[in-house]
């Protein structure tokens, strides 16, 4: 899973990755990473539960429109994982 997330991150940033660290999982199938490229830090999330991913992206858009403090989704891959 980490290789897929790393490849996605490098494609998004179009920069060599300085660091890519997997965070501890906490109760779901979701894998989270901290990716660092060009002195910018990102959280990269990978999850094979497409329904959960769609819900997260949908709610993020709503919360952002309401100006609530919420993660900004910069990019998603075509298969929604």
PDB file of N, CA and C in Angstrom:
ATOM      1  N   UNK A   1       0.812  -1.195   0.000  1.00  0.00           N
ATOM      2  CA  UNK A   1       0.000   0.000   0.000  1.00  0.00           C
ATOM      3  C   UNK A   1       0.857   1.260   0.000  1.00  0.00           C
ATOM      4  N   UNK A   2       1.951   1.236   0.752  1.00  0.00           N
ATOM      5  CA  UNK A   2       2.785   2.431   0.855  1.00  0.00           C
ATOM      6  C   UNK A   2       3.355   2.832  -0.496  1.00  0.00           C
ATOM      7  N   UNK A   3       3.755   1.865  -1.321  1.00  0.00           N
ATOM      8  CA  UNK A   3       4.315   2.194  -2.632  1.00  0.00           C
ATOM      9  C   UNK A   3       3.296   2.895  -3.516  1.00  0.00           C
ATOM     10  N   UNK A   4       2.036   2.457  -3.459  1.00  0.00           N
ATOM     11  CA  UNK A   4       0.987   3.088  -4.241  1.00  0.00           C
ATOM     12  C   UNK A   4       0.767   4.524  -3.786  1.00  0.00           C
ATOM     13  N   UNK A   5       0.719   4.743  -2.482  1.00  0.00           N
ATOM     14  CA  UNK A   5       0.531   6.086  -1.930  1.00  0.00           C
ATOM     15  C   UNK A   5       1.724   6.982  -2.272  1.00  0.00           C
ATOM     16  N   UNK A   6       2.919   6.446  -2.190  1.00  0.00           N
ATOM     17  CA  UNK A   6       4.118   7.216  -2.517  1.00  0.00           C
ATOM     18  C   UNK A   6       4.120   7.610  -3.993  1.00  0.00           C
ATOM     19  N   UNK A   7       3.781   6.687  -4.869  1.00  0.00           N
ATOM     20  CA  UNK A   7       3.718   6.981  -6.306  1.00  0.00           C
ATOM     21  C   UNK A   7       2.695   8.075  -6.584  1.00  0.00           C
ATOM     22  N   UNK A   8       1.518   7.973  -5.950  1.00  0.00           N
ATOM     23  CA  UNK A   8       0.481   8.994  -6.098  1.00  0.00           C
ATOM     24  C   UNK A   8       1.000  10.354  -5.628  1.00  0.00           C
ATOM     25  N   UNK A   9       1.660  10.393  -4.481  1.00  0.00           N
ATOM     26  CA  UNK A   9       2.183  11.634  -3.920  1.00  0.00           C
ATOM     27  C   UNK A   9       3.205  12.276  -4.853  1.00  0.00           C
ATOM     28  N   UNK A  10       4.129  11.482  -5.365  1.00  0.00           N
ATOM     29  CA  UNK A  10       5.158  12.027  -6.261  1.00  0.00           C
ATOM     30  C   UNK A  10       4.558  12.518  -7.571  1.00  0.00           C
ATOM     31  N   UNK A  11       3.526  11.847  -8.035  1.00  0.00           N
ATOM     32  CA  UNK A  11       2.851  12.306  -9.254  1.00  0.00           C
ATOM     33  C   UNK A  11       2.153  13.639  -8.990  1.00  0.00           C
ATOM     34  N   UNK A  12       1.523  13.762  -7.818  1.00  0.00           N
ATOM     35  CA  UNK A  12       0.827  15.004  -7.482  1.00  0.00           C
ATOM     36  C   UNK A  12       1.810  16.172  -7.331  1.00  0.00           C
ATOM     37  N   UNK A  13       2.872  15.976  -6.555  1.00  0.00           N
ATOM     38  CA  UNK A  13       3.791  17.082  -6.266  1.00  0.00           C
ATOM     39  C   UNK A  13       4.745  17.377  -7.417  1.00  0.00           C
ATOM     40  N   UNK A  14       4.974  16.393  -8.260  1.00  0.00           N
ATOM     41  CA  UNK A  14       5.952  16.513  -9.351  1.00  0.00           C
ATOM     42  C   UNK A  14       7.319  16.924  -8.804  1.00  0.00           C
ATOM     43  N   UNK A  15       7.601  16.445  -7.599  1.00  0.00           N
ATOM     44  CA  UNK A  15       8.865  16.724  -6.923  1.00  0.00           C
ATOM     45  C   UNK A  15       9.399  15.411  -6.349  1.00  0.00           C
ATOM     46  N   UNK A  16      10.707  15.307  -6.197  1.00  0.00           N
ATOM     47  CA  UNK A  16      11.215  14.143  -5.472  1.00  0.00           C
ATOM     48  C   UNK A  16      10.767  14.228  -4.011  1.00  0.00           C
ATOM     49  N   UNK A  17      10.451  13.096  -3.426  1.00  0.00           N
ATOM     50  CA  UNK A  17       9.983  13.058  -2.054  1.00  0.00           C
ATOM     51  C   UNK A  17      11.167  13.114  -1.093  1.00  0.00           C
ATOM     52  N   UNK A  18      11.113  14.064  -0.161  1.00  0.00           N
ATOM     53  CA  UNK A  18      12.161  14.170   0.851  1.00  0.00           C
ATOM     54  C   UNK A  18      11.957  13.125   1.945  1.00  0.00           C
ATOM     55  N   UNK A  19      10.694  12.952   2.381  1.00  0.00           N
ATOM     56  CA  UNK A  19      10.349  11.953   3.393  1.00  0.00           C
ATOM     57  C   UNK A  19       8.933  11.464   3.131  1.00  0.00           C
ATOM     58  N   UNK A  20       8.702  10.209   3.486  1.00  0.00           N
ATOM     59  CA  UNK A  20       7.367   9.624   3.365  1.00  0.00           C
ATOM     60  C   UNK A  20       7.229   8.642   4.521  1.00  0.00           C
ATOM     61  N   UNK A  21       6.464   9.023   5.529  1.00  0.00           N
ATOM     62  CA  UNK A  21       6.412   8.284   6.794  1.00  0.00           C
ATOM     63  C   UNK A  21       5.000   7.782   7.037  1.00  0.00           C
ATOM     64  N   UNK A  22       4.859   6.489   7.285  1.00  0.00           N
ATOM     65  CA  UNK A  22       3.550   5.933   7.600  1.00  0.00           C
ATOM     66  C   UNK A  22       3.215   6.218   9.060  1.00  0.00           C
ATOM     67  N   UNK A  23       1.990   6.686   9.290  1.00  0.00           N
ATOM     68  CA  UNK A  23       1.509   6.939  10.644  1.00  0.00           C
ATOM     69  C   UNK A  23       0.808   5.687  11.168  1.00  0.00           C
ATOM     70  N   UNK A  24       0.699   5.579  12.470  1.00  0.00           N
ATOM     71  CA  UNK A  24       0.029   4.435  13.084  1.00  0.00           C
ATOM     72  C   UNK A  24      -1.448   4.428  12.708  1.00  0.00           C
ATOM     73  N   UNK A  25      -1.970   3.247  12.382  1.00  0.00           N
ATOM     74  CA  UNK A  25      -3.397   3.120  12.070  1.00  0.00           C
ATOM     75  C   UNK A  25      -4.198   3.179  13.356  1.00  0.00           C
ATOM     76  N   UNK A  26      -5.443   3.668  13.219  1.00  0.00           N
ATOM     77  CA  UNK A  26      -6.265   3.803  14.425  1.00  0.00           C
ATOM     78  C   UNK A  26      -7.709   3.401  14.140  1.00  0.00           C
ATOM     79  N   UNK A  27      -7.958   2.122  14.088  1.00  0.00           N
ATOM     80  CA  UNK A  27      -9.325   1.623  14.057  1.00  0.00           C
ATOM     81  C   UNK A  27     -10.009   1.544  12.711  1.00  0.00           C
ATOM     82  N   UNK A  28      -9.313   1.785  11.624  1.00  0.00           N
ATOM     83  CA  UNK A  28      -9.943   1.622  10.314  1.00  0.00           C
ATOM     84  C   UNK A  28      -8.916   1.078   9.332  1.00  0.00           C
ATOM     85  N   UNK A  29      -9.370   0.809   8.143  1.00  0.00           N
ATOM     86  CA  UNK A  29      -8.476   0.289   7.105  1.00  0.00           C
ATOM     87  C   UNK A  29      -7.660   1.403   6.455  1.00  0.00           C
ATOM     88  N   UNK A  30      -7.950   2.618   6.837  1.00  0.00           N
ATOM     89  CA  UNK A  30      -7.277   3.772   6.247  1.00  0.00           C
ATOM     90  C   UNK A  30      -5.809   3.801   6.667  1.00  0.00           C
ATOM     91  N   UNK A  31      -4.932   4.056   5.704  1.00  0.00           N
ATOM     92  CA  UNK A  31      -3.511   4.253   5.979  1.00  0.00           C
ATOM     93  C   UNK A  31      -3.183   5.714   5.734  1.00  0.00           C
ATOM     94  N   UNK A  32      -2.493   6.332   6.702  1.00  0.00           N
ATOM     95  CA  UNK A  32      -2.117   7.736   6.593  1.00  0.00           C
ATOM     96  C   UNK A  32      -0.604   7.873   6.592  1.00  0.00           C
ATOM     97  N   UNK A  33      -0.142   8.838   5.826  1.00  0.00           N
ATOM     98  CA  UNK A  33       1.287   9.086   5.690  1.00  0.00           C
ATOM     99  C   UNK A  33       1.534  10.585   5.768  1.00  0.00           C
ATOM    100  N   UNK A  34       2.726  10.945   6.191  1.00  0.00           N
ATOM    101  CA  UNK A  34       3.191  12.322   6.050  1.00  0.00           C
ATOM    102  C   UNK A  34       4.174  12.304   4.894  1.00  0.00           C
ATOM    103  N   UNK A  35       3.872  13.091   3.891  1.00  0.00           N
ATOM    104  CA  UNK A  35       4.761  13.224   2.747  1.00  0.00           C
ATOM    105  C   UNK A  35       5.372  14.611   2.753  1.00  0.00           C
ATOM    106  N   UNK A  36       6.662  14.688   2.527  1.00  0.00           N
ATOM    107  CA  UNK A  36       7.343  15.977   2.477  1.00  0.00           C
ATOM    108  C   UNK A  36       8.064  16.080   1.140  1.00  0.00           C
ATOM    109  N   UNK A  37       7.774  17.175   0.438  1.00  0.00           N
ATOM    110  CA  UNK A  37       8.433  17.442  -0.838  1.00  0.00           C
ATOM    111  C   UNK A  37       8.607  18.949  -0.968  1.00  0.00           C
ATOM    112  N   UNK A  38       9.778  19.376  -1.335  1.00  0.00           N
ATOM    113  CA  UNK A  38      10.071  20.799  -1.530  1.00  0.00           C
ATOM    114  C   UNK A  38       9.689  21.614  -0.285  1.00  0.00           C
ATOM    115  N   UNK A  39      10.016  21.095   0.895  1.00  0.00           N
ATOM    116  CA  UNK A  39       9.761  21.738   2.186  1.00  0.00           C
ATOM    117  C   UNK A  39       8.278  21.952   2.494  1.00  0.00           C
ATOM    118  N   UNK A  40       7.394  21.266   1.814  1.00  0.00           N
ATOM    119  CA  UNK A  40       5.959  21.306   2.084  1.00  0.00           C
ATOM    120  C   UNK A  40       5.529  19.971   2.664  1.00  0.00           C
ATOM    121  N   UNK A  41       4.695  20.004   3.710  1.00  0.00           N
ATOM    122  CA  UNK A  41       4.195  18.778   4.329  1.00  0.00           C
ATOM    123  C   UNK A  41       2.759  18.523   3.893  1.00  0.00           C
ATOM    124  N   UNK A  42       2.465  17.258   3.636  1.00  0.00           N
ATOM    125  CA  UNK A  42       1.133  16.831   3.227  1.00  0.00           C
ATOM    126  C   UNK A  42       0.748  15.580   4.018  1.00  0.00           C
ATOM    127  N   UNK A  43      -0.536  15.403   4.215  1.00  0.00           N
ATOM    128  CA  UNK A  43      -1.060  14.139   4.717  1.00  0.00           C
ATOM    129  C   UNK A  43      -1.599  13.394   3.505  1.00  0.00           C
ATOM    130  N   UNK A  44      -1.135  12.186   3.314  1.00  0.00           N
ATOM    131  CA  UNK A  44      -1.591  11.331   2.214  1.00  0.00           C
ATOM    132  C   UNK A  44      -2.367  10.186   2.850  1.00  0.00           C
ATOM    133  N   UNK A  45      -3.582   9.973   2.374  1.00  0.00           N
ATOM    134  CA  UNK A  45      -4.443   8.936   2.934  1.00  0.00           C
ATOM    135  C   UNK A  45      -4.805   7.936   1.851  1.00  0.00           C
ATOM    136  N   UNK A  46      -4.750   6.671   2.205  1.00  0.00           N
ATOM    137  CA  UNK A  46      -5.145   5.610   1.282  1.00  0.00           C
ATOM    138  C   UNK A  46      -6.120   4.696   1.991  1.00  0.00           C
ATOM    139  N   UNK A  47      -7.207   4.371   1.291  1.00  0.00           N
ATOM    140  CA  UNK A  47      -8.250   3.538   1.879  1.00  0.00           C
ATOM    141  C   UNK A  47      -8.970   2.820   0.743  1.00  0.00           C
ATOM    142  N   UNK A  48      -9.100   1.522   0.829  1.00  0.00           N
ATOM    143  CA  UNK A  48      -9.787   0.754  -0.214  1.00  0.00           C
ATOM    144  C   UNK A  48     -11.301   0.777  -0.080  1.00  0.00           C
ATOM    145  N   UNK A  49     -11.831   1.419   0.982  1.00  0.00           N
ATOM    146  CA  UNK A  49     -13.271   1.537   1.173  1.00  0.00           C
ATOM    147  C   UNK A  49     -13.761   2.774   0.410  1.00  0.00           C
ATOM    148  N   UNK A  50     -14.199   2.567  -0.818  1.00  0.00           N
ATOM    149  CA  UNK A  50     -14.568   3.667  -1.700  1.00  0.00           C
ATOM    150  C   UNK A  50     -15.739   4.473  -1.145  1.00  0.00           C
ATOM    151  N   UNK A  51     -16.743   3.821  -0.573  1.00  0.00           N
ATOM    152  CA  UNK A  51     -17.888   4.547   0.010  1.00  0.00           C
ATOM    153  C   UNK A  51     -17.429   5.502   1.115  1.00  0.00           C
ATOM    154  N   UNK A  52     -16.527   5.040   1.964  1.00  0.00           N
ATOM    155  CA  UNK A  52     -16.000   5.897   3.028  1.00  0.00           C
ATOM    156  C   UNK A  52     -15.236   7.082   2.439  1.00  0.00           C
ATOM    157  N   UNK A  53     -14.461   6.836   1.402  1.00  0.00           N
ATOM    158  CA  UNK A  53     -13.705   7.906   0.752  1.00  0.00           C
ATOM    159  C   UNK A  53     -14.634   8.936   0.121  1.00  0.00           C
ATOM    160  N   UNK A  54     -15.670   8.467  -0.557  1.00  0.00           N
ATOM    161  CA  UNK A  54     -16.629   9.383  -1.177  1.00  0.00           C
ATOM    162  C   UNK A  54     -17.319  10.246  -0.121  1.00  0.00           C
ATOM    163  N   UNK A  55     -17.670   9.641   1.002  1.00  0.00           N
ATOM    164  CA  UNK A  55     -18.308  10.391   2.090  1.00  0.00           C
ATOM    165  C   UNK A  55     -17.351  11.444   2.650  1.00  0.00           C
ATOM    166  N   UNK A  56     -16.093  11.077   2.855  1.00  0.00           N
ATOM    167  CA  UNK A  56     -15.102  12.015   3.383  1.00  0.00           C
ATOM    168  C   UNK A  56     -14.936  13.206   2.442  1.00  0.00           C
ATOM    169  N   UNK A  57     -14.800  12.938   1.157  1.00  0.00           N
ATOM    170  CA  UNK A  57     -14.605  14.017   0.179  1.00  0.00           C
ATOM    171  C   UNK A  57     -15.844  14.910   0.122  1.00  0.00           C
ATOM    172  N   UNK A  58     -17.013  14.312   0.124  1.00  0.00           N
ATOM    173  CA  UNK A  58     -18.274  15.061   0.096  1.00  0.00           C
ATOM    174  C   UNK A  58     -18.378  15.977   1.329  1.00  0.00           C
ATOM    175  N   UNK A  59     -18.141  15.421   2.501  1.00  0.00           N
ATOM    176  CA  UNK A  59     -18.248  16.217   3.726  1.00  0.00           C
ATOM    177  C   UNK A  59     -17.164  17.290   3.804  1.00  0.00           C
ATOM    178  N   UNK A  60     -15.978  17.005   3.305  1.00  0.00           N
ATOM    179  CA  UNK A  60     -14.914  18.007   3.282  1.00  0.00           C
ATOM    180  C   UNK A  60     -15.323  19.216   2.458  1.00  0.00           C
ATOM    181  N   UNK A  61     -15.966  18.974   1.326  1.00  0.00           N
ATOM    182  CA  UNK A  61     -16.434  20.083   0.478  1.00  0.00           C
ATOM    183  C   UNK A  61     -17.489  20.906   1.205  1.00  0.00           C
ATOM    184  N   UNK A  62     -18.417  20.248   1.859  1.00  0.00           N
ATOM    185  CA  UNK A  62     -19.468  20.966   2.596  1.00  0.00           C
ATOM    186  C   UNK A  62     -18.860  21.773   3.737  1.00  0.00           C
ATOM    187  N   UNK A  63     -18.008  21.148   4.537  1.00  0.00           N
ATOM    188  CA  UNK A  63     -17.406  21.837   5.678  1.00  0.00           C
ATOM    189  C   UNK A  63     -16.555  23.022   5.225  1.00  0.00           C
ATOM    190  N   UNK A  64     -15.832  22.862   4.113  1.00  0.00           N
ATOM    191  CA  UNK A  64     -15.027  23.960   3.582  1.00  0.00           C
ATOM    192  C   UNK A  64     -15.925  25.122   3.166  1.00  0.00           C
ATOM    193  N   UNK A  65     -17.038  24.817   2.507  1.00  0.00           N
ATOM    194  CA  UNK A  65     -17.959  25.879   2.079  1.00  0.00           C
ATOM    195  C   UNK A  65     -18.568  26.614   3.270  1.00  0.00           C
ATOM    196  N   UNK A  66     -18.668  25.944   4.407  1.00  0.00           N
ATOM    197  CA  UNK A  66     -19.183  26.561   5.635  1.00  0.00           C
ATOM    198  C   UNK A  66     -18.070  27.228   6.448  1.00  0.00           C
ATOM    199  N   UNK A  67     -16.858  27.237   5.885  1.00  0.00           N
ATOM    200  CA  UNK A  67     -15.674  27.835   6.501  1.00  0.00           C
ATOM    201  C   UNK A  67     -15.327  27.197   7.841  1.00  0.00           C
ATOM    202  N   UNK A  68     -15.574  25.886   7.945  1.00  0.00           N
ATOM    203  CA  UNK A  68     -15.176  25.134   9.131  1.00  0.00           C
ATOM    204  C   UNK A  68     -13.743  24.640   8.942  1.00  0.00           C
ATOM    205  N   UNK A  69     -13.049  24.442  10.031  1.00  0.00           N
ATOM    206  CA  UNK A  69     -11.675  23.950   9.975  1.00  0.00           C
ATOM    207  C   UNK A  69     -11.703  22.479   9.557  1.00  0.00           C
ATOM    208  N   UNK A  70     -11.329  22.224   8.341  1.00  0.00           N
ATOM    209  CA  UNK A  70     -11.387  20.867   7.800  1.00  0.00           C
ATOM    210  C   UNK A  70     -10.225  20.633   6.842  1.00  0.00           C
ATOM    211  N   UNK A  71      -9.810  19.402   6.672  1.00  0.00           N
ATOM    212  CA  UNK A  71      -8.716  19.131   5.725  1.00  0.00           C
ATOM    213  C   UNK A  71      -9.108  19.526   4.302  1.00  0.00           C
ATOM    214  N   UNK A  72      -8.155  20.051   3.580  1.00  0.00           N
ATOM    215  CA  UNK A  72      -8.373  20.386   2.176  1.00  0.00           C
ATOM    216  C   UNK A  72      -7.924  19.198   1.322  1.00  0.00           C
ATOM    217  N   UNK A  73      -8.778  18.742   0.455  1.00  0.00           N
ATOM    218  CA  UNK A  73      -8.433  17.644  -0.438  1.00  0.00           C
ATOM    219  C   UNK A  73      -7.838  18.258  -1.704  1.00  0.00           C
ATOM    220  N   UNK A  74      -6.546  18.032  -1.910  1.00  0.00           N
ATOM    221  CA  UNK A  74      -5.856  18.577  -3.077  1.00  0.00           C
ATOM    222  C   UNK A  74      -6.038  17.719  -4.317  1.00  0.00           C
ATOM    223  N   UNK A  75      -6.088  16.397  -4.115  1.00  0.00           N
ATOM    224  CA  UNK A  75      -6.163  15.493  -5.265  1.00  0.00           C
ATOM    225  C   UNK A  75      -6.697  14.142  -4.823  1.00  0.00           C
ATOM    226  N   UNK A  76      -7.341  13.464  -5.751  1.00  0.00           N
ATOM    227  CA  UNK A  76      -7.769  12.088  -5.540  1.00  0.00           C
ATOM    228  C   UNK A  76      -7.372  11.287  -6.760  1.00  0.00           C
ATOM    229  N   UNK A  77      -7.194   9.989  -6.582  1.00  0.00           N
ATOM    230  CA  UNK A  77      -6.857   9.173  -7.739  1.00  0.00           C
ATOM    231  C   UNK A  77      -8.150   8.688  -8.406  1.00  0.00           C
ATOM    232  N   UNK A  78      -8.081   8.301  -9.664  1.00  0.00           N
ATOM    233  CA  UNK A  78      -9.291   7.931 -10.410  1.00  0.00           C
ATOM    234  C   UNK A  78     -10.093   6.780  -9.800  1.00  0.00           C
ATOM    235  N   UNK A  79      -9.439   5.846  -9.136  1.00  0.00           N
ATOM    236  CA  UNK A  79     -10.198   4.721  -8.580  1.00  0.00           C
ATOM    237  C   UNK A  79     -10.727   4.986  -7.173  1.00  0.00           C
ATOM    238  N   UNK A  80     -10.529   6.222  -6.704  1.00  0.00           N
ATOM    239  CA  UNK A  80     -11.078   6.700  -5.422  1.00  0.00           C
ATOM    240  C   UNK A  80     -10.550   5.950  -4.203  1.00  0.00           C
ATOM    241  N   UNK A  81      -9.367   5.391  -4.299  1.00  0.00           N
ATOM    242  CA  UNK A  81      -8.773   4.724  -3.140  1.00  0.00           C
ATOM    243  C   UNK A  81      -7.671   5.609  -2.574  1.00  0.00           C
TER     244      UNK A  81
END
